[in-house]
Amino acid sequence: MGRVQGKLDLRVGPAVLEMSKDEGATWAAAAGNPMGWIGERAAVAVTRIPTLNRFHGSDLLDGEFFLSAANTPTQVATETGGVFKVPSGAAATGYLSLGKTDSQVLIAAPKTESWYAASRCKIPSAGSVSAAKTVIPLGLYQAGHFTYLQWVQTVSATILQLNFNNGSDNRTALGAAGTIGSGIPVGTYFVLAMHFNSVSGAFTIEINDTVVFTASGSGLANMSTQAGSLIIQSDDLTFSLYADAVFMACGAPL
């Protein structure tokens, strides 16, 4: 697992990591982690929130993720490994979910339990989100309430928005850090992460492991309280989003 001390319970396949960490174990992120990007995310997650002890991730080469039937994302032949274009190019929205179904609840109480969620994506070429379309490179969704990082063309075709939706949209622009071609690179992979620490009460967004947004207290008034499944989603048939890996961690067993 790469510089892991402490007893671990592991279930490791060729491209999936699911494990728990005994209390007292310490982790350290390191280049060349033998579990690859998923292992590095686990190390980063515990660095951010030490109480996390349950991890699940997929590099999209295994059966631990779900592709929508309406506009199923398709694997990108020119990319190495399990990389999917979201959506595939047909009509309707396409999405990719971590877990064996599109509604597998990974975070039961996002406003009261600690959690960490991340995705690794790429925008292959310069561009902006098409008219009236929405692209979500990382989100928690369940029953119409959600916490999304999204590009919404009607708000901004290039600037990523945080959307706390507890029945209605409540968006905050992430500025230059979330702008395509600026903080969001074109042609190379980037990591989006969001996490909530139930002890400190802080919600945080990171891009490539750099904090770009924090909120707590009244700033979380519109944060969804409903259980969430982890998704990447788009209805833009012109703007390409490549999804390479997804990861989540929580403090309680799944």
Protein backbone atom coordinates (compact mmCIF):
# COMPACT_ATOMS: atom_id res chain seq x y z
CA MET A 1 0.00 0.00 0.00
CA GLY A 2 3.05 2.25 0.11
CA ARG A 3 4.52 3.26 3.47
CA VAL A 4 1.61 2.08 5.56
CA GLN A 5 2.09 1.32 9.22
CA GLY A 6 -0.52 -0.51 11.27
CA LYS A 7 -2.71 -3.50 10.68
CA LEU A 8 -4.92 -3.34 7.58
CA ASP A 9 -7.80 -5.42 6.33
CA LEU A 10 -7.50 -5.46 2.54
CA ARG A 11 -9.52 -6.68 -0.39
CA VAL A 12 -7.47 -5.80 -3.43
CA GLY A 13 -8.26 -6.73 -7.03
CA PRO A 14 -6.31 -5.71 -10.11
CA ALA A 15 -7.91 -2.29 -10.16
CA VAL A 16 -9.98 -1.80 -7.03
CA LEU A 17 -9.10 -0.92 -3.46
CA GLU A 18 -11.52 -1.48 -0.61
CA MET A 19 -10.15 -1.55 2.91
CA SER A 20 -10.38 -0.43 6.50
CA LYS A 21 -7.68 1.02 8.75
CA ASP A 22 -7.29 0.09 12.40
CA GLU A 23 -7.26 2.98 14.83
CA GLY A 24 -3.73 4.27 15.31
CA ALA A 25 -2.40 3.39 11.88
CA THR A 26 -0.59 6.15 10.02
CA TRP A 27 -0.36 6.71 6.29
CA ALA A 28 1.93 8.79 4.11
CA ALA A 29 1.50 9.76 0.48
CA ALA A 30 4.46 8.90 -1.72
CA ALA A 31 5.27 8.88 -5.41
CA GLY A 32 5.20 5.41 -6.90
CA ASN A 33 2.60 4.11 -4.45
CA PRO A 34 2.07 0.44 -5.46
CA MET A 35 -1.71 0.93 -5.42
CA GLY A 36 -1.31 3.80 -7.87
CA TRP A 37 -3.57 6.82 -7.80
CA ILE A 38 -6.17 5.13 -5.60
CA GLY A 39 -3.54 4.35 -2.98
CA GLU A 40 -2.30 7.93 -3.09
CA ARG A 41 -5.86 9.21 -2.61
CA ALA A 42 -6.28 6.99 0.44
CA ALA A 43 -3.10 8.45 1.91
CA VAL A 44 -4.18 12.01 1.15
CA ALA A 45 -7.67 11.41 2.56
CA VAL A 46 -6.29 10.26 5.92
CA THR A 47 -3.89 13.20 5.96
CA ARG A 48 -6.86 15.54 5.56
CA ILE A 49 -9.18 13.74 8.00
CA PRO A 50 -7.42 11.23 10.28
CA THR A 51 -10.70 9.64 11.46
CA LEU A 52 -11.45 8.21 8.01
CA ASN A 53 -11.11 4.43 8.04
CA ARG A 54 -13.06 3.05 5.09
CA PHE A 55 -11.97 3.47 1.49
CA HIS A 56 -13.32 2.53 -1.91
CA GLY A 57 -11.95 3.40 -5.32
CA SER A 58 -11.80 2.29 -8.93
CA ASP A 59 -9.46 3.11 -11.80
CA LEU A 60 -12.31 2.05 -14.13
CA LEU A 61 -10.74 -1.24 -15.17
CA ASP A 62 -12.83 -3.39 -12.82
CA GLY A 63 -16.49 -4.00 -12.09
CA GLU A 64 -16.69 -1.54 -9.21
CA PHE A 65 -18.35 1.24 -11.19
CA PHE A 66 -21.62 1.75 -13.05
CA LEU A 67 -22.21 3.35 -16.47
CA SER A 68 -25.63 4.81 -17.30
CA ALA A 69 -27.79 3.13 -19.92
CA ALA A 70 -29.32 6.36 -21.29
CA ASN A 71 -26.05 7.54 -22.81
CA THR A 72 -23.44 5.11 -21.62
CA PRO A 73 -19.93 6.59 -21.44
CA THR A 74 -17.55 4.76 -23.76
CA GLN A 75 -13.95 3.79 -23.21
CA VAL A 76 -11.40 6.02 -24.94
CA ALA A 77 -9.19 3.80 -27.08
CA THR A 78 -6.43 6.40 -27.37
CA GLU A 79 -5.93 6.60 -23.59
CA THR A 80 -4.09 4.05 -21.47
CA GLY A 81 -6.15 2.10 -18.95
CA GLY A 82 -9.78 2.56 -18.03
CA VAL A 83 -10.61 6.03 -19.34
CA PHE A 84 -14.20 6.88 -20.31
CA LYS A 85 -15.67 9.78 -22.25
CA VAL A 86 -18.70 11.24 -20.46
CA PRO A 87 -21.12 11.23 -22.23
CA SER A 88 -20.47 8.94 -25.16
CA GLY A 89 -21.85 11.19 -27.88
CA ALA A 90 -25.43 9.98 -28.24
CA ALA A 91 -28.44 11.97 -27.10
CA ALA A 92 -29.27 12.32 -23.38
CA THR A 93 -27.21 12.58 -20.23
CA GLY A 94 -24.43 10.10 -19.49
CA TYR A 95 -22.97 9.39 -16.11
CA LEU A 96 -20.47 7.19 -14.32
CA SER A 97 -21.00 6.16 -10.70
CA LEU A 98 -18.66 4.57 -8.17
CA GLY A 99 -20.21 1.31 -7.00
CA LYS A 100 -22.07 -1.56 -8.63
CA THR A 101 -25.26 0.44 -9.23
CA ASP A 102 -25.98 4.04 -10.14
CA SER A 103 -27.57 4.71 -6.75
CA GLN A 104 -25.24 2.89 -4.35
CA VAL A 105 -25.11 5.11 -1.29
CA LEU A 106 -21.49 5.67 -0.31
CA ILE A 107 -21.95 8.60 2.07
CA ALA A 108 -24.96 8.17 4.33
CA ALA A 109 -25.07 11.58 6.03
CA PRO A 110 -22.88 14.11 4.18
CA LYS A 111 -23.54 16.94 6.63
CA THR A 112 -22.87 15.03 9.83
CA GLU A 113 -20.23 12.38 9.04
CA SER A 114 -16.69 12.86 7.81
CA TRP A 115 -15.98 11.95 4.18
CA TYR A 116 -13.64 12.54 1.27
CA ALA A 117 -14.48 12.18 -2.44
CA ALA A 118 -12.22 12.60 -5.47
CA SER A 119 -12.08 12.10 -9.23
CA ARG A 120 -9.29 12.14 -11.80
CA CYS A 121 -10.38 13.70 -15.09
CA LYS A 122 -9.06 15.32 -18.23
CA ILE A 123 -10.34 17.87 -20.71
CA PRO A 124 -8.52 16.67 -23.85
CA SER A 125 -8.68 19.90 -25.86
CA ALA A 126 -9.46 23.56 -25.32
CA GLY A 127 -13.09 24.56 -25.31
CA SER A 128 -16.04 25.54 -23.17
CA VAL A 129 -19.32 23.97 -22.15
CA SER A 130 -21.95 24.12 -24.89
CA ALA A 131 -25.13 26.22 -24.73
CA ALA A 132 -27.59 25.11 -22.03
CA LYS A 133 -25.41 22.13 -21.04
CA THR A 134 -23.96 20.99 -17.70
CA VAL A 135 -20.77 19.05 -17.00
CA ILE A 136 -20.15 17.56 -13.54
CA PRO A 137 -16.63 16.16 -13.00
CA LEU A 138 -17.40 15.27 -9.36
CA GLY A 139 -20.64 15.10 -7.41
CA LEU A 140 -22.73 13.48 -4.68
CA TYR A 141 -26.30 12.81 -5.73
CA GLN A 142 -29.39 11.23 -4.22
CA ALA A 143 -33.13 11.88 -4.59
CA GLY A 144 -32.79 15.27 -6.28
CA HIS A 145 -30.53 16.80 -3.63
CA PHE A 146 -26.82 17.03 -4.32
CA THR A 147 -23.39 18.53 -3.83
CA TYR A 148 -21.87 19.14 -7.26
CA LEU A 149 -18.74 20.59 -8.75
CA GLN A 150 -20.11 21.61 -12.13
CA TRP A 151 -19.71 23.74 -15.21
CA VAL A 152 -23.13 25.18 -16.06
CA GLN A 153 -23.14 27.10 -19.33
CA THR A 154 -26.06 29.31 -18.33
CA VAL A 155 -23.96 30.50 -15.35
CA SER A 156 -20.45 30.23 -16.83
CA ALA A 157 -19.16 28.09 -19.70
CA THR A 158 -15.63 27.95 -18.25
CA ILE A 159 -15.69 28.56 -14.46
CA LEU A 160 -16.38 25.60 -12.16
CA GLN A 161 -19.18 26.10 -9.64
CA LEU A 162 -19.87 24.51 -6.29
CA ASN A 163 -23.59 23.80 -6.09
CA PHE A 164 -25.09 23.05 -2.68
CA ASN A 165 -28.60 21.88 -3.54
CA ASN A 166 -30.96 21.01 -0.73
CA GLY A 167 -34.03 21.52 -2.87
CA SER A 168 -32.81 24.45 -5.00
CA ASP A 169 -29.55 25.56 -6.62
CA ASN A 170 -27.07 27.53 -4.49
CA ARG A 171 -23.92 28.08 -6.55
CA THR A 172 -20.53 29.56 -5.70
CA ALA A 173 -17.98 30.22 -8.45
CA LEU A 174 -14.46 28.86 -7.84
CA GLY A 175 -12.84 31.68 -9.82
CA ALA A 176 -9.51 31.32 -11.58
CA ALA A 177 -8.76 28.08 -9.72
CA GLY A 178 -11.78 26.46 -11.38
CA THR A 179 -11.41 28.04 -14.82
CA ILE A 180 -10.76 25.83 -17.83
CA GLY A 181 -7.33 26.64 -19.20
CA SER A 182 -6.23 28.31 -15.96
CA GLY A 183 -6.58 26.38 -12.70
CA ILE A 184 -8.12 23.50 -14.64
CA PRO A 185 -5.51 22.35 -17.18
CA VAL A 186 -6.32 21.30 -20.73
CA GLY A 187 -4.72 18.15 -22.13
CA THR A 188 -3.48 16.75 -18.81
CA TYR A 189 -5.21 14.96 -15.95
CA PHE A 190 -6.31 16.88 -12.88
CA VAL A 191 -7.67 15.78 -9.49
CA LEU A 192 -10.80 17.25 -7.97
CA ALA A 193 -11.54 16.54 -4.33
CA MET A 194 -14.11 17.67 -1.81
CA HIS A 195 -14.33 16.66 1.82
CA PHE A 196 -16.20 17.35 5.02
CA ASN A 197 -14.75 17.12 8.53
CA SER A 198 -17.52 16.49 11.04
CA VAL A 199 -15.23 17.44 13.95
CA SER A 200 -14.17 20.86 12.67
CA GLY A 201 -17.37 21.39 10.67
CA ALA A 202 -15.37 22.45 7.60
CA PHE A 203 -16.23 21.63 3.99
CA THR A 204 -13.27 21.92 1.61
CA ILE A 205 -12.64 21.77 -2.14
CA GLU A 206 -9.20 21.00 -3.55
CA ILE A 207 -7.88 21.04 -7.10
CA ASN A 208 -4.66 19.06 -7.54
CA ASP A 209 -4.36 18.93 -3.73
CA THR A 210 -4.47 22.72 -3.36
CA VAL A 211 -7.31 24.17 -1.29
CA VAL A 212 -9.46 26.50 -3.40
CA PHE A 213 -12.59 26.81 -1.23
CA THR A 214 -13.70 26.29 2.38
CA ALA A 215 -17.02 26.78 4.15
CA SER A 216 -18.40 26.14 7.61
CA GLY A 217 -21.21 27.27 9.88
CA SER A 218 -23.79 29.35 8.03
CA GLY A 219 -21.90 28.72 4.79
CA LEU A 220 -23.25 25.15 4.90
CA ALA A 221 -26.89 26.16 5.29
CA ASN A 222 -27.82 24.74 1.88
CA MET A 223 -25.60 21.67 1.98
CA SER A 224 -27.54 18.49 1.27
CA THR A 225 -28.34 16.28 4.23
CA GLN A 226 -29.37 13.29 2.12
CA ALA A 227 -27.30 10.18 1.47
CA GLY A 228 -25.20 10.44 -1.66
CA SER A 229 -23.83 8.34 -4.48
CA LEU A 230 -20.61 9.42 -6.20
CA ILE A 231 -21.02 10.43 -9.84
CA ILE A 232 -19.41 12.05 -12.87
CA GLN A 233 -22.06 13.35 -15.27
CA SER A 234 -22.54 15.36 -18.48
CA ASP A 235 -25.16 16.08 -21.12
CA ASP A 236 -22.75 17.97 -23.39
CA LEU A 237 -22.15 15.99 -26.57
CA THR A 238 -19.52 18.43 -27.89
CA PHE A 239 -17.42 19.24 -24.84
CA SER A 240 -15.31 16.18 -23.96
CA LEU A 241 -14.71 15.12 -20.37
CA TYR A 242 -12.52 12.07 -19.78
CA ALA A 243 -12.93 10.20 -16.49
CA ASP A 244 -9.96 8.10 -15.35
CA ALA A 245 -10.59 7.16 -11.70
CA VAL A 246 -12.90 7.75 -8.75
CA PHE A 247 -12.39 7.43 -5.00
CA MET A 248 -14.21 7.94 -1.73
CA ALA A 249 -13.50 7.51 1.97
CA CYS A 250 -15.71 7.69 5.04
CA GLY A 251 -15.53 7.15 8.76
CA ALA A 252 -18.02 4.30 8.98
CA PRO A 253 -18.33 0.98 7.09
CA LEU A 254 -20.16 1.13 3.77
